[in-house]
């Protein structure tokens, strides 16, 4: 059973799709649309990070005793991606397509590398160690990803 992996990979793909919408708007110089779509993308990324950092990672760490392993690396990468989200947002606000392209490309590469590590290493480990907690875990992840937890706003 790969319930955690499937659920979280699905959210990765959803975030990817939101970034594609931003890209299309930028290519068409529809800056207002790009900013609106970027806000949706940025929120989705923040909610995804919150789901991992507030729900999934603590349960994984408690279950395995690994507090300084893969979850620590993922948290550090989340911090880097949040910084890239900020610089990308600034480029969009300035309607600077060159600055946007550089920031967005760096963000995309980092997301791809990060997602590969989660999808091929961390999430399968979570499936293995947290299978007995799925009934409570998946709804909690869903609430965070949907932005229904006020602390993620």
C-alpha atoms as a PDB file:
ATOM      1  CA  UNK A   1       0.000   0.000   0.000  1.00  0.00           C
ATOM      2  CA  UNK A   2       1.322   3.421  -0.997  1.00  0.00           C
ATOM      3  CA  UNK A   3      -1.429   5.680   0.354  1.00  0.00           C
ATOM      4  CA  UNK A   4       0.837   8.451   1.646  1.00  0.00           C
ATOM      5  CA  UNK A   5       3.025   8.413  -1.446  1.00  0.00           C
ATOM      6  CA  UNK A   6       0.011   8.499  -3.764  1.00  0.00           C
ATOM      7  CA  UNK A   7      -1.679  11.298  -1.842  1.00  0.00           C
ATOM      8  CA  UNK A   8       1.404  13.510  -1.581  1.00  0.00           C
ATOM      9  CA  UNK A   9       2.551  12.862  -5.170  1.00  0.00           C
ATOM     10  CA  UNK A  10      -0.899  13.900  -6.340  1.00  0.00           C
ATOM     11  CA  UNK A  11      -0.444  17.196  -4.520  1.00  0.00           C
ATOM     12  CA  UNK A  12       2.994  17.661  -6.090  1.00  0.00           C
ATOM     13  CA  UNK A  13       1.362  17.310  -9.514  1.00  0.00           C
ATOM     14  CA  UNK A  14      -1.354  19.769  -8.540  1.00  0.00           C
ATOM     15  CA  UNK A  15       1.293  22.346  -7.570  1.00  0.00           C
ATOM     16  CA  UNK A  16       3.113  21.680 -10.843  1.00  0.00           C
ATOM     17  CA  UNK A  17      -0.095  22.405 -12.750  1.00  0.00           C
ATOM     18  CA  UNK A  18      -0.555  25.694 -10.929  1.00  0.00           C
ATOM     19  CA  UNK A  19       2.972  26.750 -11.884  1.00  0.00           C
ATOM     20  CA  UNK A  20       2.228  25.921 -15.523  1.00  0.00           C
ATOM     21  CA  UNK A  21      -0.726  28.343 -15.382  1.00  0.00           C
ATOM     22  CA  UNK A  22       1.643  31.079 -14.165  1.00  0.00           C
ATOM     23  CA  UNK A  23       4.070  30.307 -16.981  1.00  0.00           C
ATOM     24  CA  UNK A  24       1.327  30.575 -19.604  1.00  0.00           C
ATOM     25  CA  UNK A  25       0.259  33.959 -18.265  1.00  0.00           C
ATOM     26  CA  UNK A  26       3.847  35.260 -18.247  1.00  0.00           C
ATOM     27  CA  UNK A  27       4.446  34.073 -21.815  1.00  0.00           C
ATOM     28  CA  UNK A  28       1.333  35.999 -22.854  1.00  0.00           C
ATOM     29  CA  UNK A  29       2.449  39.076 -20.840  1.00  0.00           C
ATOM     30  CA  UNK A  30      -0.782  38.821 -18.843  1.00  0.00           C
ATOM     31  CA  UNK A  31       0.872  40.124 -15.695  1.00  0.00           C
ATOM     32  CA  UNK A  32      -2.278  40.522 -13.588  1.00  0.00           C
ATOM     33  CA  UNK A  33      -3.301  36.957 -14.399  1.00  0.00           C
ATOM     34  CA  UNK A  34       0.229  35.769 -13.693  1.00  0.00           C
ATOM     35  CA  UNK A  35       0.137  37.388 -10.250  1.00  0.00           C
ATOM     36  CA  UNK A  36      -3.249  35.851  -9.476  1.00  0.00           C
ATOM     37  CA  UNK A  37      -2.139  32.406 -10.622  1.00  0.00           C
ATOM     38  CA  UNK A  38       1.141  32.771  -8.749  1.00  0.00           C
ATOM     39  CA  UNK A  39      -0.745  33.557  -5.536  1.00  0.00           C
ATOM     40  CA  UNK A  40      -2.686  30.303  -5.990  1.00  0.00           C
ATOM     41  CA  UNK A  41       0.556  28.406  -6.654  1.00  0.00           C
ATOM     42  CA  UNK A  42       2.349  30.001  -3.706  1.00  0.00           C
ATOM     43  CA  UNK A  43      -0.544  29.208  -1.355  1.00  0.00           C
ATOM     44  CA  UNK A  44      -0.618  25.601  -2.559  1.00  0.00           C
ATOM     45  CA  UNK A  45       3.121  25.257  -1.957  1.00  0.00           C
ATOM     46  CA  UNK A  46       2.844  26.741   1.531  1.00  0.00           C
ATOM     47  CA  UNK A  47      -0.057  24.442   2.394  1.00  0.00           C
ATOM     48  CA  UNK A  48       1.891  21.454   1.086  1.00  0.00           C
ATOM     49  CA  UNK A  49       4.909  22.395   3.193  1.00  0.00           C
ATOM     50  CA  UNK A  50       2.646  22.845   6.235  1.00  0.00           C
ATOM     51  CA  UNK A  51       1.125  19.403   5.690  1.00  0.00           C
ATOM     52  CA  UNK A  52       4.579  17.891   5.716  1.00  0.00           C
ATOM     53  CA  UNK A  53       6.133  19.959   8.489  1.00  0.00           C
ATOM     54  CA  UNK A  54       3.170  20.000  10.875  1.00  0.00           C
ATOM     55  CA  UNK A  55       1.642  16.590  10.242  1.00  0.00           C
ATOM     56  CA  UNK A  56       3.693  14.094   8.244  1.00  0.00           C
ATOM     57  CA  UNK A  57       7.259  14.800   9.353  1.00  0.00           C
ATOM     58  CA  UNK A  58       6.556  14.872  13.111  1.00  0.00           C
ATOM     59  CA  UNK A  59       4.701  11.547  12.916  1.00  0.00           C
ATOM     60  CA  UNK A  60       7.495  10.035  10.842  1.00  0.00           C
ATOM     61  CA  UNK A  61      10.142  11.301  13.262  1.00  0.00           C
ATOM     62  CA  UNK A  62       8.231  10.017  16.270  1.00  0.00           C
ATOM     63  CA  UNK A  63       7.706   6.632  14.632  1.00  0.00           C
ATOM     64  CA  UNK A  64      11.301   6.148  13.466  1.00  0.00           C
ATOM     65  CA  UNK A  65      13.329   8.197  15.923  1.00  0.00           C
ATOM     66  CA  UNK A  66      15.004   9.883  12.928  1.00  0.00           C
ATOM     67  CA  UNK A  67      14.923  13.567  13.848  1.00  0.00           C
ATOM     68  CA  UNK A  68      18.039  14.621  11.959  1.00  0.00           C
ATOM     69  CA  UNK A  69      17.631  12.623   8.779  1.00  0.00           C
ATOM     70  CA  UNK A  70      15.571  13.136   5.638  1.00  0.00           C
ATOM     71  CA  UNK A  71      12.972  15.377   7.262  1.00  0.00           C
ATOM     72  CA  UNK A  72      15.645  17.854   8.325  1.00  0.00           C
ATOM     73  CA  UNK A  73      16.906  18.039   4.726  1.00  0.00           C
ATOM     74  CA  UNK A  74      13.363  18.524   3.406  1.00  0.00           C
ATOM     75  CA  UNK A  75      12.680  21.345   5.886  1.00  0.00           C
ATOM     76  CA  UNK A  76      15.872  23.132   4.800  1.00  0.00           C
ATOM     77  CA  UNK A  77      14.825  22.806   1.170  1.00  0.00           C
ATOM     78  CA  UNK A  78      11.364  24.161   2.017  1.00  0.00           C
ATOM     79  CA  UNK A  79      13.056  27.247   3.454  1.00  0.00           C
ATOM     80  CA  UNK A  80      15.062  27.694   0.262  1.00  0.00           C
ATOM     81  CA  UNK A  81      11.955  27.300  -1.895  1.00  0.00           C
ATOM     82  CA  UNK A  82      10.069  29.856   0.204  1.00  0.00           C
ATOM     83  CA  UNK A  83      12.880  32.324  -0.490  1.00  0.00           C
ATOM     84  CA  UNK A  84      12.627  31.538  -4.201  1.00  0.00           C
ATOM     85  CA  UNK A  85       8.854  32.028  -4.063  1.00  0.00           C
ATOM     86  CA  UNK A  86       9.447  35.508  -2.638  1.00  0.00           C
ATOM     87  CA  UNK A  87      11.954  36.483  -5.324  1.00  0.00           C
ATOM     88  CA  UNK A  88       9.699  35.100  -8.039  1.00  0.00           C
ATOM     89  CA  UNK A  89       6.745  37.073  -6.662  1.00  0.00           C
ATOM     90  CA  UNK A  90       8.855  40.244  -6.712  1.00  0.00           C
ATOM     91  CA  UNK A  91       9.752  39.683 -10.348  1.00  0.00           C
ATOM     92  CA  UNK A  92       6.082  39.234 -11.200  1.00  0.00           C
ATOM     93  CA  UNK A  93       5.123  42.414  -9.356  1.00  0.00           C
ATOM     94  CA  UNK A  94       7.732  44.296 -11.390  1.00  0.00           C
ATOM     95  CA  UNK A  95       6.533  42.597 -14.607  1.00  0.00           C
ATOM     96  CA  UNK A  96      10.178  41.700 -15.240  1.00  0.00           C
ATOM     97  CA  UNK A  97      10.106  38.675 -17.513  1.00  0.00           C
ATOM     98  CA  UNK A  98      13.880  38.105 -17.397  1.00  0.00           C
ATOM     99  CA  UNK A  99      14.040  38.237 -13.603  1.00  0.00           C
ATOM    100  CA  UNK A 100      10.937  36.058 -13.406  1.00  0.00           C
ATOM    101  CA  UNK A 101      12.434  33.492 -15.799  1.00  0.00           C
ATOM    102  CA  UNK A 102      15.606  33.173 -13.741  1.00  0.00           C
ATOM    103  CA  UNK A 103      13.818  32.842 -10.408  1.00  0.00           C
ATOM    104  CA  UNK A 104      11.139  30.523 -11.760  1.00  0.00           C
ATOM    105  CA  UNK A 105      13.678  28.259 -13.447  1.00  0.00           C
ATOM    106  CA  UNK A 106      15.701  27.950 -10.250  1.00  0.00           C
ATOM    107  CA  UNK A 107      12.522  27.242  -8.286  1.00  0.00           C
ATOM    108  CA  UNK A 108      11.378  24.631 -10.793  1.00  0.00           C
ATOM    109  CA  UNK A 109      14.704  22.790 -10.721  1.00  0.00           C
ATOM    110  CA  UNK A 110      14.724  22.802  -6.941  1.00  0.00           C
ATOM    111  CA  UNK A 111      11.114  21.563  -6.827  1.00  0.00           C
ATOM    112  CA  UNK A 112      11.895  18.722  -9.221  1.00  0.00           C
ATOM    113  CA  UNK A 113      14.924  17.575  -7.241  1.00  0.00           C
ATOM    114  CA  UNK A 114      13.087  17.933  -3.943  1.00  0.00           C
ATOM    115  CA  UNK A 115      10.031  16.046  -5.180  1.00  0.00           C
ATOM    116  CA  UNK A 116      12.159  13.174  -6.483  1.00  0.00           C
ATOM    117  CA  UNK A 117      13.709  12.716  -3.044  1.00  0.00           C
ATOM    118  CA  UNK A 118      10.346  12.785  -1.326  1.00  0.00           C
ATOM    119  CA  UNK A 119       8.602  10.562  -3.857  1.00  0.00           C
ATOM    120  CA  UNK A 120      11.338   7.943  -4.106  1.00  0.00           C
ATOM    121  CA  UNK A 121      12.723   7.924  -0.572  1.00  0.00           C
ATOM    122  CA  UNK A 122      10.799   9.758   2.139  1.00  0.00           C
ATOM    123  CA  UNK A 123       7.187   9.027   1.198  1.00  0.00           C
ATOM    124  CA  UNK A 124       7.806   5.284   0.755  1.00  0.00           C
ATOM    125  CA  UNK A 125       9.470   5.301   4.191  1.00  0.00           C
ATOM    126  CA  UNK A 126       6.378   7.064   5.567  1.00  0.00           C
ATOM    127  CA  UNK A 127       4.142   4.443   3.954  1.00  0.00           C
ATOM    128  CA  UNK A 128       6.182   1.748   5.664  1.00  0.00           C
ATOM    129  CA  UNK A 129       6.304   3.326   9.126  1.00  0.00           C
ATOM    130  CA  UNK A 130       2.916   5.072   9.313  1.00  0.00           C
ATOM    131  CA  UNK A 131       0.577   2.518   7.716  1.00  0.00           C
ATOM    132  CA  UNK A 132      -1.220   1.981  11.019  1.00  0.00           C
ATOM    133  CA  UNK A 133      -2.003   5.721  11.313  1.00  0.00           C
ATOM    134  CA  UNK A 134      -3.597   6.339   7.895  1.00  0.00           C
ATOM    135  CA  UNK A 135      -7.145   6.811   9.189  1.00  0.00           C
ATOM    136  CA  UNK A 136      -6.114   9.946  11.099  1.00  0.00           C
ATOM    137  CA  UNK A 137      -3.117  10.955   8.988  1.00  0.00           C
ATOM    138  CA  UNK A 138      -4.700  11.315   5.545  1.00  0.00           C
ATOM    139  CA  UNK A 139      -7.567  13.587   6.700  1.00  0.00           C
ATOM    140  CA  UNK A 140      -5.073  15.755   8.622  1.00  0.00           C
ATOM    141  CA  UNK A 141      -2.891  16.057   5.523  1.00  0.00           C
ATOM    142  CA  UNK A 142      -5.957  16.894   3.434  1.00  0.00           C
ATOM    143  CA  UNK A 143      -6.998  19.689   5.812  1.00  0.00           C
ATOM    144  CA  UNK A 144      -3.530  21.253   5.664  1.00  0.00           C
ATOM    145  CA  UNK A 145      -3.303  20.985   1.874  1.00  0.00           C
ATOM    146  CA  UNK A 146      -6.771  22.489   1.495  1.00  0.00           C
ATOM    147  CA  UNK A 147      -5.703  25.413   3.674  1.00  0.00           C
ATOM    148  CA  UNK A 148      -8.371  24.594   6.232  1.00  0.00           C
ATOM    149  CA  UNK A 149      -5.993  24.882   9.166  1.00  0.00           C
ATOM    150  CA  UNK A 150      -5.952  28.563  10.164  1.00  0.00           C
ATOM    151  CA  UNK A 151      -2.328  28.325  11.324  1.00  0.00           C
ATOM    152  CA  UNK A 152      -1.148  27.802   7.712  1.00  0.00           C
ATOM    153  CA  UNK A 153      -2.531  31.121   6.506  1.00  0.00           C
END
